[in-house]
Amino acid sequence: MKIELKKFGTTLISRQAGREAFAAFKPSLEILNKNETIEIDFIDVITFSPSWGDEFLRPLQEKYDGKITFLNTQNPSVKVTLELLEEINKK
């Protein structure tokens, strides 16, 4: 399954917005095959904050740990936020 985060906007900030985005997307996960991987695509995302990322990515990583890959992470905002979340969550 590929999740294009640009569907939620190009400026992904605030804990509340991340929580709402995950709640909106969560029903889509019900069709996920247990062996299927999740690709999270950051194409066209301009700003990606740790608070938004924590609310959207943490629940995915808790349930699908080891089955998530990130695409198009060259943007400095995305890169730094992913590194920070990795350090904080030890994943």
N, C-alpha and C. Protein backbone atom coordinates (compact mmCIF):
# COMPACT_ATOMS: atom_id res chain seq x y z
N MET A 1 0.84 -1.17 0.00
CA MET A 1 0.00 0.00 0.00
C MET A 1 0.89 1.24 0.00
N LYS A 2 0.54 2.18 -0.83
CA LYS A 2 1.29 3.42 -0.90
C LYS A 2 0.43 4.57 -0.35
N ILE A 3 1.00 5.30 0.59
CA ILE A 3 0.32 6.46 1.18
C ILE A 3 1.04 7.71 0.70
N GLU A 4 0.36 8.50 -0.11
CA GLU A 4 0.92 9.76 -0.57
C GLU A 4 0.48 10.85 0.40
N LEU A 5 1.42 11.33 1.19
CA LEU A 5 1.07 12.30 2.22
C LEU A 5 0.58 13.62 1.66
N LYS A 6 0.89 13.92 0.40
CA LYS A 6 0.43 15.19 -0.18
C LYS A 6 -1.10 15.25 -0.24
N LYS A 7 -1.76 14.11 -0.11
CA LYS A 7 -3.22 14.10 -0.06
C LYS A 7 -3.73 14.83 1.18
N PHE A 8 -2.88 14.94 2.19
CA PHE A 8 -3.24 15.64 3.43
C PHE A 8 -2.75 17.08 3.41
N GLY A 9 -2.07 17.47 2.35
CA GLY A 9 -1.54 18.81 2.21
C GLY A 9 -0.04 18.79 2.01
N THR A 10 0.52 19.93 1.65
CA THR A 10 1.96 20.02 1.45
C THR A 10 2.67 20.59 2.67
N THR A 11 1.90 21.15 3.58
CA THR A 11 2.44 21.68 4.83
C THR A 11 1.80 20.89 5.97
N LEU A 12 2.53 19.90 6.45
CA LEU A 12 2.00 18.98 7.46
C LEU A 12 2.52 19.39 8.83
N ILE A 13 1.71 20.18 9.51
CA ILE A 13 2.11 20.69 10.82
C ILE A 13 0.96 20.52 11.81
N SER A 14 1.26 20.51 13.05
CA SER A 14 0.38 20.46 14.21
C SER A 14 -0.03 19.04 14.56
N ARG A 15 -0.02 18.80 15.82
CA ARG A 15 -0.40 17.50 16.38
C ARG A 15 -1.86 17.17 16.03
N GLN A 16 -2.73 18.15 16.17
CA GLN A 16 -4.16 17.94 15.88
C GLN A 16 -4.38 17.56 14.42
N ALA A 17 -3.71 18.22 13.51
CA ALA A 17 -3.87 17.91 12.09
C ALA A 17 -3.36 16.50 11.78
N GLY A 18 -2.27 16.10 12.39
CA GLY A 18 -1.74 14.75 12.19
C GLY A 18 -2.68 13.70 12.73
N ARG A 19 -3.27 13.97 13.89
CA ARG A 19 -4.23 13.06 14.51
C ARG A 19 -5.46 12.90 13.62
N GLU A 20 -5.94 14.03 13.07
CA GLU A 20 -7.11 14.00 12.19
C GLU A 20 -6.80 13.27 10.89
N ALA A 21 -5.60 13.47 10.34
CA ALA A 21 -5.21 12.79 9.12
C ALA A 21 -5.15 11.28 9.33
N PHE A 22 -4.60 10.86 10.46
CA PHE A 22 -4.54 9.43 10.73
C PHE A 22 -5.94 8.85 10.93
N ALA A 23 -6.79 9.56 11.63
CA ALA A 23 -8.17 9.09 11.84
C ALA A 23 -8.91 8.95 10.51
N ALA A 24 -8.67 9.87 9.60
CA ALA A 24 -9.31 9.80 8.29
C ALA A 24 -8.77 8.65 7.46
N PHE A 25 -7.48 8.34 7.62
CA PHE A 25 -6.86 7.29 6.83
C PHE A 25 -7.03 5.90 7.42
N LYS A 26 -7.23 5.81 8.69
CA LYS A 26 -7.26 4.53 9.41
C LYS A 26 -8.19 3.49 8.78
N PRO A 27 -9.40 3.83 8.32
CA PRO A 27 -10.26 2.81 7.70
C PRO A 27 -9.62 2.15 6.47
N SER A 28 -8.75 2.86 5.77
CA SER A 28 -8.07 2.29 4.60
C SER A 28 -7.13 1.15 4.98
N LEU A 29 -6.68 1.13 6.21
CA LEU A 29 -5.76 0.09 6.67
C LEU A 29 -6.45 -1.27 6.86
N GLU A 30 -7.77 -1.26 6.94
CA GLU A 30 -8.50 -2.50 7.15
C GLU A 30 -8.39 -3.44 5.96
N ILE A 31 -8.11 -2.92 4.77
CA ILE A 31 -7.99 -3.77 3.58
C ILE A 31 -6.56 -4.27 3.38
N LEU A 32 -5.68 -3.86 4.26
CA LEU A 32 -4.27 -4.21 4.13
C LEU A 32 -4.04 -5.68 4.43
N ASN A 33 -3.39 -6.36 3.51
CA ASN A 33 -3.01 -7.75 3.70
C ASN A 33 -1.92 -7.80 4.76
N LYS A 34 -1.92 -8.79 5.63
CA LYS A 34 -0.96 -8.83 6.74
C LYS A 34 0.49 -8.94 6.28
N ASN A 35 0.74 -9.39 5.06
CA ASN A 35 2.10 -9.48 4.53
C ASN A 35 2.49 -8.29 3.67
N GLU A 36 1.56 -7.39 3.45
CA GLU A 36 1.79 -6.24 2.59
C GLU A 36 2.62 -5.17 3.31
N THR A 37 3.47 -4.51 2.56
CA THR A 37 4.25 -3.42 3.12
C THR A 37 3.54 -2.08 2.90
N ILE A 38 3.93 -1.10 3.67
CA ILE A 38 3.38 0.25 3.55
C ILE A 38 4.49 1.17 3.07
N GLU A 39 4.24 1.87 1.99
CA GLU A 39 5.17 2.87 1.47
C GLU A 39 4.59 4.24 1.76
N ILE A 40 5.34 5.05 2.48
CA ILE A 40 4.89 6.41 2.78
C ILE A 40 5.69 7.36 1.91
N ASP A 41 4.97 8.02 1.01
CA ASP A 41 5.60 8.86 0.00
C ASP A 41 5.48 10.34 0.38
N PHE A 42 6.64 11.00 0.48
CA PHE A 42 6.70 12.41 0.86
C PHE A 42 6.80 13.35 -0.35
N ILE A 43 6.53 12.84 -1.55
CA ILE A 43 6.62 13.68 -2.75
C ILE A 43 5.73 14.91 -2.59
N ASP A 44 6.27 16.07 -2.93
CA ASP A 44 5.57 17.36 -2.89
C ASP A 44 5.27 17.88 -1.49
N VAL A 45 5.72 17.19 -0.45
CA VAL A 45 5.55 17.72 0.92
C VAL A 45 6.63 18.77 1.15
N ILE A 46 6.21 19.96 1.51
CA ILE A 46 7.15 21.07 1.71
C ILE A 46 7.61 21.15 3.16
N THR A 47 6.66 21.07 4.08
CA THR A 47 6.97 21.17 5.51
C THR A 47 6.36 19.97 6.23
N PHE A 48 7.18 19.34 7.06
CA PHE A 48 6.77 18.15 7.79
C PHE A 48 7.25 18.31 9.23
N SER A 49 6.32 18.54 10.14
CA SER A 49 6.71 18.80 11.54
C SER A 49 6.73 17.51 12.36
N PRO A 50 7.56 17.50 13.41
CA PRO A 50 7.61 16.33 14.29
C PRO A 50 6.26 16.02 14.94
N SER A 51 5.49 17.03 15.29
CA SER A 51 4.21 16.77 15.95
C SER A 51 3.24 16.07 14.99
N TRP A 52 3.15 16.54 13.75
CA TRP A 52 2.28 15.90 12.76
C TRP A 52 2.77 14.47 12.51
N GLY A 53 4.06 14.33 12.31
CA GLY A 53 4.64 13.03 12.04
C GLY A 53 4.42 12.05 13.17
N ASP A 54 4.54 12.51 14.40
CA ASP A 54 4.35 11.64 15.55
C ASP A 54 2.92 11.11 15.59
N GLU A 55 1.96 11.96 15.33
CA GLU A 55 0.55 11.54 15.38
C GLU A 55 0.17 10.62 14.23
N PHE A 56 0.80 10.78 13.08
CA PHE A 56 0.45 9.95 11.92
C PHE A 56 1.32 8.70 11.83
N LEU A 57 2.62 8.84 12.02
CA LEU A 57 3.54 7.73 11.80
C LEU A 57 3.64 6.77 12.99
N ARG A 58 3.60 7.30 14.21
CA ARG A 58 3.77 6.44 15.39
C ARG A 58 2.75 5.31 15.44
N PRO A 59 1.43 5.59 15.24
CA PRO A 59 0.47 4.47 15.27
C PRO A 59 0.74 3.43 14.17
N LEU A 60 1.18 3.91 13.02
CA LEU A 60 1.52 2.97 11.94
C LEU A 60 2.70 2.10 12.33
N GLN A 61 3.73 2.73 12.89
CA GLN A 61 4.92 1.98 13.27
C GLN A 61 4.64 1.02 14.42
N GLU A 62 3.75 1.38 15.30
CA GLU A 62 3.41 0.47 16.40
C GLU A 62 2.73 -0.79 15.89
N LYS A 63 1.90 -0.65 14.86
CA LYS A 63 1.16 -1.79 14.35
C LYS A 63 1.89 -2.53 13.23
N TYR A 64 2.63 -1.80 12.40
CA TYR A 64 3.25 -2.39 11.21
C TYR A 64 4.77 -2.26 11.23
N ASP A 65 5.36 -2.32 12.39
CA ASP A 65 6.81 -2.17 12.54
C ASP A 65 7.55 -3.14 11.62
N GLY A 66 8.51 -2.62 10.89
CA GLY A 66 9.30 -3.44 9.98
C GLY A 66 8.70 -3.58 8.60
N LYS A 67 7.49 -3.07 8.41
CA LYS A 67 6.82 -3.19 7.11
C LYS A 67 6.60 -1.83 6.45
N ILE A 68 7.29 -0.81 6.98
CA ILE A 68 7.10 0.55 6.48
C ILE A 68 8.38 1.03 5.82
N THR A 69 8.24 1.59 4.62
CA THR A 69 9.36 2.24 3.95
C THR A 69 8.95 3.67 3.60
N PHE A 70 9.94 4.54 3.56
CA PHE A 70 9.70 5.94 3.24
C PHE A 70 10.27 6.26 1.87
N LEU A 71 9.52 7.00 1.08
CA LEU A 71 9.93 7.39 -0.27
C LEU A 71 10.03 8.91 -0.36
N ASN A 72 10.93 9.38 -1.20
CA ASN A 72 11.10 10.81 -1.48
C ASN A 72 11.31 11.62 -0.21
N THR A 73 12.36 11.28 0.51
CA THR A 73 12.65 11.93 1.79
C THR A 73 13.80 12.94 1.69
N GLN A 74 14.09 13.43 0.49
CA GLN A 74 15.22 14.33 0.30
C GLN A 74 14.98 15.74 0.86
N ASN A 75 13.74 16.15 0.99
CA ASN A 75 13.42 17.47 1.51
C ASN A 75 14.02 17.59 2.92
N PRO A 76 14.76 18.68 3.19
CA PRO A 76 15.40 18.83 4.51
C PRO A 76 14.41 18.75 5.68
N SER A 77 13.22 19.31 5.53
CA SER A 77 12.22 19.27 6.60
C SER A 77 11.81 17.83 6.89
N VAL A 78 11.60 17.06 5.85
CA VAL A 78 11.22 15.66 6.00
C VAL A 78 12.37 14.86 6.61
N LYS A 79 13.55 15.07 6.08
CA LYS A 79 14.73 14.32 6.53
C LYS A 79 15.00 14.54 8.02
N VAL A 80 15.02 15.81 8.44
CA VAL A 80 15.32 16.13 9.84
C VAL A 80 14.21 15.61 10.76
N THR A 81 12.96 15.75 10.35
CA THR A 81 11.86 15.27 11.18
C THR A 81 11.90 13.76 11.34
N LEU A 82 12.16 13.03 10.26
CA LEU A 82 12.24 11.57 10.37
C LEU A 82 13.39 11.14 11.29
N GLU A 83 14.52 11.82 11.19
CA GLU A 83 15.65 11.52 12.07
C GLU A 83 15.30 11.79 13.53
N LEU A 84 14.63 12.91 13.78
CA LEU A 84 14.24 13.25 15.14
C LEU A 84 13.24 12.24 15.70
N LEU A 85 12.25 11.87 14.91
CA LEU A 85 11.26 10.89 15.37
C LEU A 85 11.91 9.53 15.62
N GLU A 86 12.85 9.18 14.78
CA GLU A 86 13.57 7.91 14.97
C GLU A 86 14.33 7.91 16.29
N GLU A 87 14.98 9.03 16.58
CA GLU A 87 15.73 9.16 17.83
C GLU A 87 14.82 9.13 19.05
N ILE A 88 13.72 9.85 18.97
CA ILE A 88 12.78 9.93 20.08
C ILE A 88 12.12 8.58 20.34
N ASN A 89 11.67 7.93 19.27
CA ASN A 89 10.92 6.67 19.41
C ASN A 89 11.81 5.44 19.38
N LYS A 90 13.11 5.64 19.17
CA LYS A 90 14.07 4.54 19.12
C LYS A 90 13.70 3.51 18.06
N LYS A 91 13.22 3.99 16.91
CA LYS A 91 12.86 3.11 15.79
C LYS A 91 13.45 3.62 14.51
